[in-house]
């Protein structure tokens, strides 16, 4: 019985320790802002110890429900700035969609390949048909 109690206590301690480590990587909720046909996602870190990379995830929001996140970008280990840094990712692919609301979150991937997701930031994307057409034409020549 003592062994079971010790195992439970150890499990709870490890769970709390891991949750604390995950929770302090990103200081506050990320922000997402639609500007000039792109979405700018920003976040600030606290302690980047053990961080392997950041993955930027985007999902459409329909009737208040997030429909499923897909990876739209990464900040690799070589690009990490260190503790107390601000990061910015510019999502340039949103011009292809009609008016929508998108949710963004940052996935913190650690050296041991575990991960933790940030809170969600949302923004409305308002684009014109002319801008979407011009963007598609430009993309053909890239």
Protein backbone atom coordinates (compact mmCIF):
# COMPACT_ATOMS: atom_id res chain seq x y z
CA UNK A 1 0.00 0.00 0.00
CA UNK A 2 2.90 2.34 0.77
CA UNK A 3 4.28 1.77 -2.72
CA UNK A 4 0.98 2.68 -4.35
CA UNK A 5 0.74 5.86 -2.28
CA UNK A 6 4.32 6.81 -3.17
CA UNK A 7 3.68 6.14 -6.87
CA UNK A 8 0.55 8.29 -6.81
CA UNK A 9 2.40 11.09 -5.02
CA UNK A 10 5.29 10.87 -7.50
CA UNK A 11 2.88 10.90 -10.44
CA UNK A 12 1.07 13.99 -9.10
CA UNK A 13 4.37 15.77 -8.45
CA UNK A 14 5.67 15.03 -11.96
CA UNK A 15 2.39 16.08 -13.54
CA UNK A 16 2.46 19.38 -11.65
CA UNK A 17 6.13 19.97 -12.49
CA UNK A 18 5.58 19.29 -16.20
CA UNK A 19 2.46 21.46 -16.32
CA UNK A 20 4.36 24.29 -14.64
CA UNK A 21 7.20 24.06 -17.14
CA UNK A 22 4.76 24.10 -20.07
CA UNK A 23 2.76 26.98 -18.65
CA UNK A 24 5.65 29.45 -18.32
CA UNK A 25 7.06 29.31 -21.84
CA UNK A 26 4.56 31.78 -23.32
CA UNK A 27 3.82 34.73 -21.02
CA UNK A 28 0.40 35.83 -22.21
CA UNK A 29 -2.19 34.90 -24.78
CA UNK A 30 -0.81 35.33 -28.32
CA UNK A 31 -2.35 38.08 -30.44
CA UNK A 32 -3.54 37.89 -34.03
CA UNK A 33 -4.17 41.00 -36.10
CA UNK A 34 -5.37 41.29 -39.68
CA UNK A 35 -3.39 44.00 -41.47
CA UNK A 36 -2.95 44.72 -45.20
CA UNK A 37 -4.10 41.29 -46.35
CA UNK A 38 -2.02 39.30 -43.86
CA UNK A 39 -2.45 38.11 -40.30
CA UNK A 40 0.32 39.00 -37.86
CA UNK A 41 0.60 36.60 -34.93
CA UNK A 42 2.70 37.77 -31.96
CA UNK A 43 3.68 36.17 -28.68
CA UNK A 44 6.18 36.73 -25.89
CA UNK A 45 8.11 34.05 -24.05
CA UNK A 46 9.19 33.78 -20.45
CA UNK A 47 11.55 30.81 -20.19
CA UNK A 48 12.61 29.01 -23.37
CA UNK A 49 14.67 26.34 -21.60
CA UNK A 50 14.20 23.01 -23.37
CA UNK A 51 12.26 24.50 -26.30
CA UNK A 52 12.98 22.87 -29.65
CA UNK A 53 10.66 24.98 -31.83
CA UNK A 54 7.41 26.88 -32.07
CA UNK A 55 4.73 25.77 -34.52
CA UNK A 56 2.10 28.26 -35.58
CA UNK A 57 -1.32 26.65 -36.02
CA UNK A 58 -4.40 28.12 -37.75
CA UNK A 59 -8.01 26.97 -37.82
CA UNK A 60 -11.17 28.44 -39.32
CA UNK A 61 -13.91 29.40 -36.90
CA UNK A 62 -17.48 28.65 -37.94
CA UNK A 63 -20.42 29.72 -35.81
CA UNK A 64 -18.15 30.10 -32.81
CA UNK A 65 -16.58 26.64 -33.15
CA UNK A 66 -12.92 26.08 -34.02
CA UNK A 67 -12.89 23.52 -36.84
CA UNK A 68 -9.40 22.00 -36.60
CA UNK A 69 -5.88 23.39 -36.47
CA UNK A 70 -3.32 23.01 -39.26
CA UNK A 71 0.33 24.04 -39.12
CA UNK A 72 1.02 27.21 -41.14
CA UNK A 73 4.57 28.00 -39.97
CA UNK A 74 7.45 27.20 -37.65
CA UNK A 75 10.15 29.00 -35.73
CA UNK A 76 13.04 26.51 -35.67
CA UNK A 77 15.63 26.15 -32.91
CA UNK A 78 18.22 28.19 -34.83
CA UNK A 79 15.73 31.10 -34.92
CA UNK A 80 14.96 31.06 -31.18
CA UNK A 81 15.92 34.32 -29.46
CA UNK A 82 16.04 33.25 -25.81
CA UNK A 83 14.11 34.07 -22.67
CA UNK A 84 11.82 37.12 -22.56
CA UNK A 85 11.64 37.48 -26.33
CA UNK A 86 8.86 38.59 -28.63
CA UNK A 87 8.12 36.62 -31.78
CA UNK A 88 6.11 37.52 -34.86
CA UNK A 89 4.79 35.30 -37.62
CA UNK A 90 3.13 36.75 -40.72
CA UNK A 91 0.51 34.50 -42.28
CA UNK A 92 0.45 35.52 -45.93
CA UNK A 93 -1.96 32.82 -47.11
CA UNK A 94 -5.18 34.31 -45.76
CA UNK A 95 -5.74 36.55 -48.80
CA UNK A 96 -7.03 33.48 -50.64
CA UNK A 97 -10.16 33.18 -48.51
CA UNK A 98 -13.38 35.12 -48.34
CA UNK A 99 -14.40 36.91 -45.16
CA UNK A 100 -13.76 34.56 -42.23
CA UNK A 101 -12.66 34.37 -38.65
CA UNK A 102 -9.49 32.42 -37.91
CA UNK A 103 -8.09 31.06 -34.67
CA UNK A 104 -4.35 30.85 -34.07
CA UNK A 105 -2.36 29.09 -31.40
CA UNK A 106 1.31 28.47 -30.76
CA UNK A 107 2.50 24.91 -30.19
CA UNK A 108 5.65 24.81 -28.07
CA UNK A 109 7.66 21.69 -28.98
CA UNK A 110 10.24 20.65 -26.40
CA UNK A 111 13.55 18.83 -26.87
CA UNK A 112 11.97 15.55 -25.75
CA UNK A 113 9.30 15.96 -28.50
CA UNK A 114 6.48 16.64 -26.04
CA UNK A 115 4.45 19.76 -26.71
CA UNK A 116 2.14 22.30 -25.15
CA UNK A 117 -0.41 24.53 -26.89
CA UNK A 118 -0.96 28.18 -26.07
CA UNK A 119 -4.28 29.89 -25.62
CA UNK A 120 -6.18 30.77 -28.79
CA UNK A 121 -6.10 34.16 -30.48
CA UNK A 122 -8.72 35.02 -33.10
CA UNK A 123 -9.02 37.60 -35.84
CA UNK A 124 -11.45 38.40 -38.64
CA UNK A 125 -10.11 38.38 -42.19
CA UNK A 126 -11.88 40.76 -44.55
CA UNK A 127 -10.68 40.46 -48.13
CA UNK A 128 -12.08 41.57 -51.44
CA UNK A 129 -12.59 39.37 -54.49
CA UNK A 130 -10.18 41.59 -56.48
CA UNK A 131 -7.43 41.12 -53.89
CA UNK A 132 -7.94 37.32 -53.87
CA UNK A 133 -7.80 37.19 -57.68
CA UNK A 134 -4.67 39.36 -57.85
CA UNK A 135 -3.04 37.26 -55.13
CA UNK A 136 -3.78 34.08 -57.06
CA UNK A 137 -2.28 35.56 -60.24
CA UNK A 138 0.88 36.58 -58.36
CA UNK A 139 1.16 33.10 -56.83
CA UNK A 140 1.23 31.52 -60.30
CA UNK A 141 4.49 33.34 -61.08
CA UNK A 142 6.36 32.51 -57.87
